[in-house]
Protein backbone atom coordinates (compact mmCIF):
# COMPACT_ATOMS: atom_id res chain seq x y z
CA UNK A 1 -123.84 -10.72 47.38
CA UNK A 2 -126.63 -13.00 46.21
CA UNK A 3 -130.12 -11.63 45.93
CA UNK A 4 -132.72 -10.04 43.68
CA UNK A 5 -131.78 -8.00 40.61
CA UNK A 6 -131.57 -4.18 40.85
CA UNK A 7 -135.00 -3.85 39.20
CA UNK A 8 -136.53 -5.80 42.09
CA UNK A 9 -134.22 -4.66 44.89
CA UNK A 10 -134.75 -0.92 44.36
CA UNK A 11 -138.56 -0.92 44.83
CA UNK A 12 -138.28 -3.05 47.98
CA UNK A 13 -135.80 -0.64 49.54
CA UNK A 14 -137.89 2.35 48.44
CA UNK A 15 -140.93 0.76 50.13
CA UNK A 16 -138.93 0.29 53.33
CA UNK A 17 -137.94 3.97 53.38
CA UNK A 18 -141.50 5.06 52.56
CA UNK A 19 -142.95 3.07 55.46
CA UNK A 20 -140.23 4.00 57.95
CA UNK A 21 -140.53 7.71 57.26
CA UNK A 22 -144.31 7.65 57.35
CA UNK A 23 -143.87 6.81 61.04
CA UNK A 24 -141.45 9.71 61.49
CA UNK A 25 -143.65 12.07 59.47
CA UNK A 26 -146.40 11.63 62.04
CA UNK A 27 -144.33 11.34 65.22
CA UNK A 28 -141.80 14.15 64.78
CA UNK A 29 -144.29 16.98 64.27
CA UNK A 30 -147.24 15.64 66.26
CA UNK A 31 -146.15 13.24 69.01
CA UNK A 32 -145.45 16.23 71.32
CA UNK A 33 -149.06 17.26 70.70
CA UNK A 34 -150.27 13.84 71.90
CA UNK A 35 -147.99 14.05 74.94
CA UNK A 36 -149.31 17.51 75.79
CA UNK A 37 -152.86 16.17 75.53
CA UNK A 38 -151.93 13.71 78.30
CA UNK A 39 -151.10 16.63 80.59
CA UNK A 40 -147.30 16.60 80.27
CA UNK A 41 -145.57 19.98 80.68
CA UNK A 42 -142.67 21.13 78.42
CA UNK A 43 -139.97 19.72 80.71
CA UNK A 44 -141.71 16.32 80.85
CA UNK A 45 -142.21 16.33 77.08
CA UNK A 46 -138.54 17.13 76.62
CA UNK A 47 -137.59 14.25 78.93
CA UNK A 48 -139.80 11.75 77.09
CA UNK A 49 -138.44 12.80 73.70
CA UNK A 50 -134.88 12.75 75.05
CA UNK A 51 -135.40 9.17 76.25
CA UNK A 52 -136.95 8.26 72.89
CA UNK A 53 -133.69 9.22 71.21
CA UNK A 54 -131.13 8.51 73.95
CA UNK A 55 -132.04 4.81 74.11
CA UNK A 56 -130.30 4.53 70.74
CA UNK A 57 -126.95 4.95 72.48
CA UNK A 58 -127.29 1.43 73.90
CA UNK A 59 -129.77 -0.21 71.55
CA UNK A 60 -128.35 0.45 68.10
CA UNK A 61 -124.72 -0.65 68.72
CA UNK A 62 -125.91 -3.78 70.54
CA UNK A 63 -128.25 -4.80 67.73
CA UNK A 64 -125.74 -3.92 65.02
CA UNK A 65 -122.96 -5.86 66.77
CA UNK A 66 -125.19 -8.95 66.63
CA UNK A 67 -126.09 -8.28 62.96
CA UNK A 68 -122.43 -7.95 61.95
CA UNK A 69 -121.55 -11.12 63.85
CA UNK A 70 -124.17 -13.20 62.02
CA UNK A 71 -123.81 -11.36 58.71
CA UNK A 72 -127.57 -10.71 58.45
CA UNK A 73 -129.76 -7.62 58.25
CA UNK A 74 -133.30 -8.60 57.19
CA UNK A 75 -134.24 -11.02 60.00
CA UNK A 76 -133.17 -8.72 62.87
CA UNK A 77 -135.02 -5.81 61.20
CA UNK A 78 -138.27 -7.81 61.05
CA UNK A 79 -138.04 -8.88 64.71
CA UNK A 80 -137.33 -5.33 65.88
CA UNK A 81 -140.17 -3.89 63.79
CA UNK A 82 -142.63 -6.42 65.24
CA UNK A 83 -141.58 -5.79 68.85
CA UNK A 84 -141.69 -2.00 68.45
CA UNK A 85 -145.19 -2.13 66.96
CA UNK A 86 -146.46 -4.25 69.85
CA UNK A 87 -144.77 -1.96 72.39
CA UNK A 88 -146.24 1.18 70.85
CA UNK A 89 -149.76 -0.28 71.14
CA UNK A 90 -149.32 -0.09 74.92
CA UNK A 91 -149.52 3.72 74.76
CA UNK A 92 -153.28 3.16 74.45
CA UNK A 93 -153.22 2.35 78.17
CA UNK A 94 -150.92 5.20 79.20
CA UNK A 95 -152.46 8.06 81.17
CA UNK A 96 -149.60 9.29 83.38
CA UNK A 97 -146.05 10.49 82.88
CA UNK A 98 -144.20 7.53 84.41
CA UNK A 99 -146.09 4.88 82.44
CA UNK A 100 -145.50 6.89 79.26
CA UNK A 101 -141.80 7.02 80.12
CA UNK A 102 -141.57 3.24 80.63
CA UNK A 103 -143.40 2.43 77.39
CA UNK A 104 -141.24 4.95 75.56
CA UNK A 105 -138.10 3.13 76.74
CA UNK A 106 -139.34 -0.27 75.51
CA UNK A 107 -140.61 1.09 72.19
CA UNK A 108 -137.47 3.09 71.53
CA UNK A 109 -135.13 0.20 72.33
CA UNK A 110 -136.83 -1.99 69.74
CA UNK A 111 -137.39 0.69 67.09
CA UNK A 112 -133.91 2.22 67.35
CA UNK A 113 -132.23 -0.50 65.30
CA UNK A 114 -134.72 -0.70 62.43
CA UNK A 115 -133.59 2.24 60.32
CA UNK A 116 -129.80 1.93 60.94
CA UNK A 117 -129.87 -1.74 59.96
CA UNK A 118 -132.02 -0.81 56.97
CA UNK A 119 -129.48 1.83 55.96
CA UNK A 120 -126.69 -0.74 56.26
CA UNK A 121 -128.64 -3.24 54.15
CA UNK A 122 -129.28 -0.51 51.58
CA UNK A 123 -125.59 0.34 51.30
CA UNK A 124 -124.78 -3.35 50.79
CA UNK A 125 -127.22 -3.31 47.87
CA UNK A 126 -125.91 0.02 46.59
CA UNK A 127 -122.35 -1.27 46.47
CA UNK A 128 -123.25 -4.69 45.04
CA UNK A 129 -125.94 -3.62 42.56
CA UNK A 130 -124.83 -0.12 41.54
CA UNK A 131 -127.95 1.56 42.94
CA UNK A 132 -128.15 5.29 43.78
CA UNK A 133 -128.64 5.76 47.54
CA UNK A 134 -130.04 9.27 47.20
CA UNK A 135 -132.76 8.18 44.80
CA UNK A 136 -133.79 5.36 47.14
CA UNK A 137 -133.73 7.54 50.25
CA UNK A 138 -135.83 10.31 48.69
CA UNK A 139 -138.86 7.99 48.82
CA UNK A 140 -138.61 8.19 52.58
CA UNK A 141 -138.63 11.97 52.35
CA UNK A 142 -141.67 11.92 50.04
CA UNK A 143 -143.47 9.70 52.52
CA UNK A 144 -142.53 12.03 55.39
CA UNK A 145 -144.08 14.93 53.49
CA UNK A 146 -147.31 13.07 52.79
CA UNK A 147 -147.61 11.86 56.39
CA UNK A 148 -146.86 15.26 57.96
CA UNK A 149 -149.19 17.18 55.65
CA UNK A 150 -152.02 14.65 55.91
CA UNK A 151 -151.75 14.43 59.70
CA UNK A 152 -151.85 18.21 60.04
CA UNK A 153 -154.98 18.33 57.92
CA UNK A 154 -156.65 15.38 59.68
CA UNK A 155 -155.94 16.82 63.15
CA UNK A 156 -157.68 20.12 62.41
CA UNK A 157 -160.82 20.09 64.55
CA UNK A 158 -160.22 16.53 65.76
CA UNK A 159 -158.99 15.12 69.12
CA UNK A 160 -155.27 14.56 69.64
CA UNK A 161 -155.87 10.81 70.23
CA UNK A 162 -155.92 10.49 66.44
CA UNK A 163 -152.12 10.85 66.47
CA UNK A 164 -151.76 7.55 68.35
CA UNK A 165 -153.87 5.62 65.84
CA UNK A 166 -152.08 7.11 62.86
CA UNK A 167 -148.67 6.18 64.25
CA UNK A 168 -149.83 2.64 65.09
CA UNK A 169 -151.11 2.16 61.53
CA UNK A 170 -147.83 3.48 60.10
CA UNK A 171 -145.85 1.07 62.30
CA UNK A 172 -147.92 -1.86 61.02
CA UNK A 173 -147.22 -0.73 57.45
CA UNK A 174 -143.51 -0.48 58.31
CA UNK A 175 -143.50 -4.06 59.62
CA UNK A 176 -144.96 -5.29 56.32
CA UNK A 177 -142.31 -3.39 54.36
CA UNK A 178 -139.55 -4.99 56.45
CA UNK A 179 -140.82 -8.43 55.50
CA UNK A 180 -140.42 -7.47 51.83
CA UNK A 181 -136.76 -6.42 52.16
CA UNK A 182 -134.11 -8.28 50.13
CA UNK A 183 -132.02 -10.69 52.19
CA UNK A 184 -128.64 -9.05 51.53
CA UNK A 185 -125.75 -10.61 53.45
CA UNK A 186 -121.99 -10.21 53.56
CA UNK A 187 -121.07 -13.31 55.52
CA UNK A 188 -120.14 -13.55 59.19
CA UNK A 189 -117.27 -11.36 60.26
CA UNK A 190 -114.04 -13.29 60.69
CA UNK A 191 -112.28 -10.64 62.78
CA UNK A 192 -111.15 -11.72 66.21
CA UNK A 193 -111.91 -8.31 67.67
CA UNK A 194 -115.42 -7.02 68.22
CA UNK A 195 -116.75 -4.89 65.33
CA UNK A 196 -117.33 -2.03 67.78
CA UNK A 197 -113.62 -1.88 68.64
CA UNK A 198 -112.66 -2.08 64.98
CA UNK A 199 -114.87 0.84 64.02
CA UNK A 200 -113.65 3.05 66.85
CA UNK A 201 -109.96 2.38 66.20
CA UNK A 202 -109.33 5.72 64.46
CA UNK A 203 -109.58 9.23 65.86
CA UNK A 204 -111.04 10.44 62.56
CA UNK A 205 -114.12 8.25 62.98
CA UNK A 206 -114.66 9.56 66.51
CA UNK A 207 -114.33 13.11 65.14
CA UNK A 208 -116.90 12.24 62.48
CA UNK A 209 -119.32 11.01 65.16
CA UNK A 210 -118.90 14.24 67.14
CA UNK A 211 -119.51 16.43 64.08
CA UNK A 212 -122.62 14.45 63.09
CA UNK A 213 -123.94 14.53 66.66
CA UNK A 214 -123.67 18.32 66.86
CA UNK A 215 -125.31 19.00 63.49
CA UNK A 216 -128.19 16.57 63.97
CA UNK A 217 -128.53 17.48 67.65
CA UNK A 218 -129.14 21.09 66.65
CA UNK A 219 -132.61 20.02 65.46
CA UNK A 220 -133.78 19.25 69.03
CA UNK A 221 -135.91 22.35 69.73
CA UNK A 222 -137.44 22.11 66.25
CA UNK A 223 -138.36 18.45 66.66
CA UNK A 224 -139.60 18.77 70.23
CA UNK A 225 -141.35 22.14 70.22
CA UNK A 226 -141.57 23.36 66.63
CA UNK A 227 -145.24 22.42 66.29
CA UNK A 228 -146.20 23.71 69.74
CA UNK A 229 -144.29 26.97 69.19
CA UNK A 230 -145.91 27.58 65.82
CA UNK A 231 -149.33 26.79 67.28
CA UNK A 232 -148.69 29.42 69.96
CA UNK A 233 -147.73 31.87 67.21
CA UNK A 234 -151.18 31.40 65.66
CA UNK A 235 -150.41 29.05 62.78
CA UNK A 236 -152.97 26.32 62.04
CA UNK A 237 -152.20 22.59 62.08
CA UNK A 238 -152.64 22.54 58.31
CA UNK A 239 -150.03 25.28 57.86
CA UNK A 240 -147.71 23.58 60.35
CA UNK A 241 -147.97 20.26 58.51
CA UNK A 242 -147.14 22.04 55.26
CA UNK A 243 -144.14 23.77 56.86
CA UNK A 244 -142.76 20.41 57.96
CA UNK A 245 -143.46 19.05 54.49
CA UNK A 246 -141.70 21.99 52.85
CA UNK A 247 -138.48 21.28 54.70
CA UNK A 248 -138.49 17.72 53.46
CA UNK A 249 -139.28 18.77 49.89
CA UNK A 250 -136.00 20.68 49.91
CA UNK A 251 -134.32 17.60 51.37
CA UNK A 252 -135.73 15.49 48.52
CA UNK A 253 -134.22 17.82 45.94
CA UNK A 254 -130.81 17.35 47.52
CA UNK A 255 -131.14 13.55 47.68
CA UNK A 256 -132.27 13.45 44.04
CA UNK A 257 -129.04 15.24 43.13
CA UNK A 258 -126.99 13.14 45.56
CA UNK A 259 -124.62 11.61 43.01
CA UNK A 260 -123.85 15.03 41.52
CA UNK A 261 -123.48 16.68 44.92
CA UNK A 262 -120.89 14.08 45.93
CA UNK A 263 -118.81 15.02 42.90
CA UNK A 264 -118.56 18.57 44.25
CA UNK A 265 -118.39 17.99 48.04
CA UNK A 266 -116.57 15.37 50.06
CA UNK A 267 -118.62 13.59 52.75
CA UNK A 268 -116.90 15.70 55.42
CA UNK A 269 -117.62 18.82 53.39
CA UNK A 270 -121.32 18.00 53.35
CA UNK A 271 -121.33 17.63 57.13
CA UNK A 272 -119.63 21.03 57.49
CA UNK A 273 -122.16 22.54 55.07
CA UNK A 274 -124.98 21.14 57.20
CA UNK A 275 -123.52 22.71 60.33
CA UNK A 276 -123.15 26.12 58.70
CA UNK A 277 -126.74 25.98 57.44
CA UNK A 278 -127.94 24.98 60.92
CA UNK A 279 -126.24 28.00 62.49
CA UNK A 280 -128.08 30.25 60.06
CA UNK A 281 -131.41 28.43 60.14
CA UNK A 282 -131.85 28.32 63.91
CA UNK A 283 -130.67 31.90 64.42
CA UNK A 284 -133.34 33.19 62.05
CA UNK A 285 -136.02 30.79 63.34
CA UNK A 286 -135.37 31.98 66.89
CA UNK A 287 -135.75 35.60 65.82
CA UNK A 288 -139.11 35.29 64.04
CA UNK A 289 -142.16 33.05 63.72
CA UNK A 290 -143.65 35.04 60.84
CA UNK A 291 -144.85 32.75 58.06
CA UNK A 292 -142.72 34.27 55.25
CA UNK A 293 -139.61 33.85 57.40
CA UNK A 294 -140.49 30.26 58.25
CA UNK A 295 -141.03 29.44 54.59
CA UNK A 296 -137.49 30.58 53.83
CA UNK A 297 -135.82 28.90 56.81
CA UNK A 298 -137.60 25.59 56.28
CA UNK A 299 -135.91 25.29 52.88
CA UNK A 300 -132.58 25.09 54.73
CA UNK A 301 -133.59 21.62 55.94
CA UNK A 302 -132.08 20.39 52.67
CA UNK A 303 -128.69 21.21 54.19
CA UNK A 304 -129.13 21.00 57.97
CA UNK A 305 -130.45 17.45 57.71
CA UNK A 306 -130.16 16.32 54.08
CA UNK A 307 -126.58 17.33 53.26
CA UNK A 308 -125.28 16.29 56.68
CA UNK A 309 -126.99 12.88 56.48
CA UNK A 310 -125.89 12.22 52.90
CA UNK A 311 -122.33 13.07 53.88
CA UNK A 312 -122.48 10.79 56.93
CA UNK A 313 -123.85 7.78 55.04
CA UNK A 314 -121.14 8.02 52.40
CA UNK A 315 -118.45 8.67 55.00
CA UNK A 316 -119.36 5.36 56.65
CA UNK A 317 -119.47 3.53 53.30
CA UNK A 318 -115.99 4.79 52.35
CA UNK A 319 -114.27 4.54 55.73
CA UNK A 320 -115.51 1.18 57.06
CA UNK A 321 -115.27 -2.39 55.65
CA UNK A 322 -118.49 -4.31 54.92
CA UNK A 323 -117.94 -6.67 57.85
CA UNK A 324 -118.27 -3.71 60.25
CA UNK A 325 -120.79 -1.63 58.29
CA UNK A 326 -123.84 -2.30 60.50
CA UNK A 327 -121.85 -1.42 63.62
CA UNK A 328 -120.53 1.76 62.01
CA UNK A 329 -123.98 2.77 60.82
CA UNK A 330 -125.42 2.12 64.27
CA UNK A 331 -122.72 4.23 65.89
CA UNK A 332 -123.60 7.10 63.58
CA UNK A 333 -127.26 6.71 64.56
CA UNK A 334 -126.39 6.40 68.25
CA UNK A 335 -124.12 9.44 68.16
CA UNK A 336 -126.31 11.72 66.04
CA UNK A 337 -129.76 10.71 67.28
CA UNK A 338 -128.94 9.15 70.65
CA UNK A 339 -126.18 11.32 72.08
CA UNK A 340 -126.49 14.51 70.05
CA UNK A 341 -130.23 14.81 69.65
CA UNK A 342 -130.99 13.01 72.92
CA UNK A 343 -128.89 15.30 75.10
CA UNK A 344 -130.06 18.38 73.22
CA UNK A 345 -133.68 17.33 73.74
CA UNK A 346 -133.01 16.83 77.42
CA UNK A 347 -132.12 20.51 77.77
CA UNK A 348 -134.58 21.72 75.14
CA UNK A 349 -137.54 21.42 77.55
CA UNK A 350 -136.11 23.77 80.21
CA UNK A 351 -134.73 26.05 77.48
CA UNK A 352 -138.07 26.32 75.73
CA UNK A 353 -139.93 26.78 79.01
CA UNK A 354 -137.61 29.66 79.92
CA UNK A 355 -137.00 31.33 76.58
CA UNK A 356 -139.64 30.03 74.13
CA UNK A 357 -138.31 30.70 70.61
CA UNK A 358 -135.04 31.96 72.07
CA UNK A 359 -134.12 28.31 72.70
CA UNK A 360 -133.24 28.09 69.00
CA UNK A 361 -130.15 30.23 69.58
CA UNK A 362 -128.56 27.40 71.56
CA UNK A 363 -129.25 25.11 68.62
CA UNK A 364 -127.51 27.57 66.28
CA UNK A 365 -124.41 27.30 68.48
CA UNK A 366 -124.45 23.49 68.16
CA UNK A 367 -124.65 23.80 64.38
CA UNK A 368 -121.68 26.16 64.29
CA UNK A 369 -119.58 23.75 66.36
CA UNK A 370 -120.55 20.89 64.06
CA UNK A 371 -119.43 22.97 61.07
CA UNK A 372 -116.00 23.54 62.63
CA UNK A 373 -115.52 19.82 63.34
CA UNK A 374 -116.65 18.96 59.81
CA UNK A 375 -114.01 21.30 58.39
CA UNK A 376 -111.33 19.72 60.58
CA UNK A 377 -112.47 16.26 59.46
CA UNK A 378 -112.20 17.33 55.84
CA UNK A 379 -108.61 18.46 56.35
CA UNK A 380 -107.73 15.04 57.74
CA UNK A 381 -108.89 13.47 54.48
CA UNK A 382 -110.33 10.66 56.58
CA UNK A 383 -113.14 9.76 54.22
CA UNK A 384 -110.59 7.89 52.07
CA UNK A 385 -109.00 6.05 55.00
CA UNK A 386 -109.75 2.72 53.39
């Protein structure tokens, strides 16, 4: 792979992660707050957030299929980042549920492919340049912390419209970071079959997708209603922003130790660990909203998201050839964020409306199922299939 040296490639990738996760650091905790300010009820908020994630089911494999066919990553990422930024700006005009839903669909379709293609490009650089994925990815987590904490502080005493402007600014920053990415390529795929068919040819990969979908899908109530639930429990926006940040601090610690962790756990083992931690985390979160309890449970984000994601990224890198890597990465994103998180968000609205914090118990069940599938995947030894 031709391209910049590791000393130049690493900072560019770190900038990409920083910008991408600044967007998420604002949207995940506080976009439901903006939606509520537009008069949407919990079921409508759940539907909008479900659509935001479910669009990935179609968008990410389609974009990745094209990227694998042409052997490129950088140019498609830039186009998608530009379109998603322009689409998001249209929320300025949105005042009713249906218009918000339509704009969400357009924005999500364009944005869905940015991070998966970026992850694929990163793994090309990791394999070619000997870079440490965890140490690159942790910059995204640091950015998430800064964005979540700063937004919580800025929102205190200010109108919810500020969320829109902060996200729009973060998207513009993300577009600039995409333009700075290294142009890593692997050459056009020479396979006669479509990359999608090639990736899905083994049952073990399908099992991996199911396990990842369950573990990441278990975060649905937290992502959709965590902020609103904690507000109702009497916690301030500043405290809520810090709670979100705390979870990612724990995640950073795991990513920083990524190379060492992978010497102890297999990729499938990390996914199973994430599922077990999710079962524990959401059971306790559903039982109490007391601040000391939340401080403890938020630390488990290192495993429920961090360990499971680290395991998934390295599973894909070990199990799939470079010519199909973008497609495989997109399928992981589509399964975990689109199918798993999307479907869970679809039911999270009615669940939260009916049971409030009790909705977390359903998420604990998803985590437990993901743990079981991760253990089965580990027994298959599928991470060394290639």
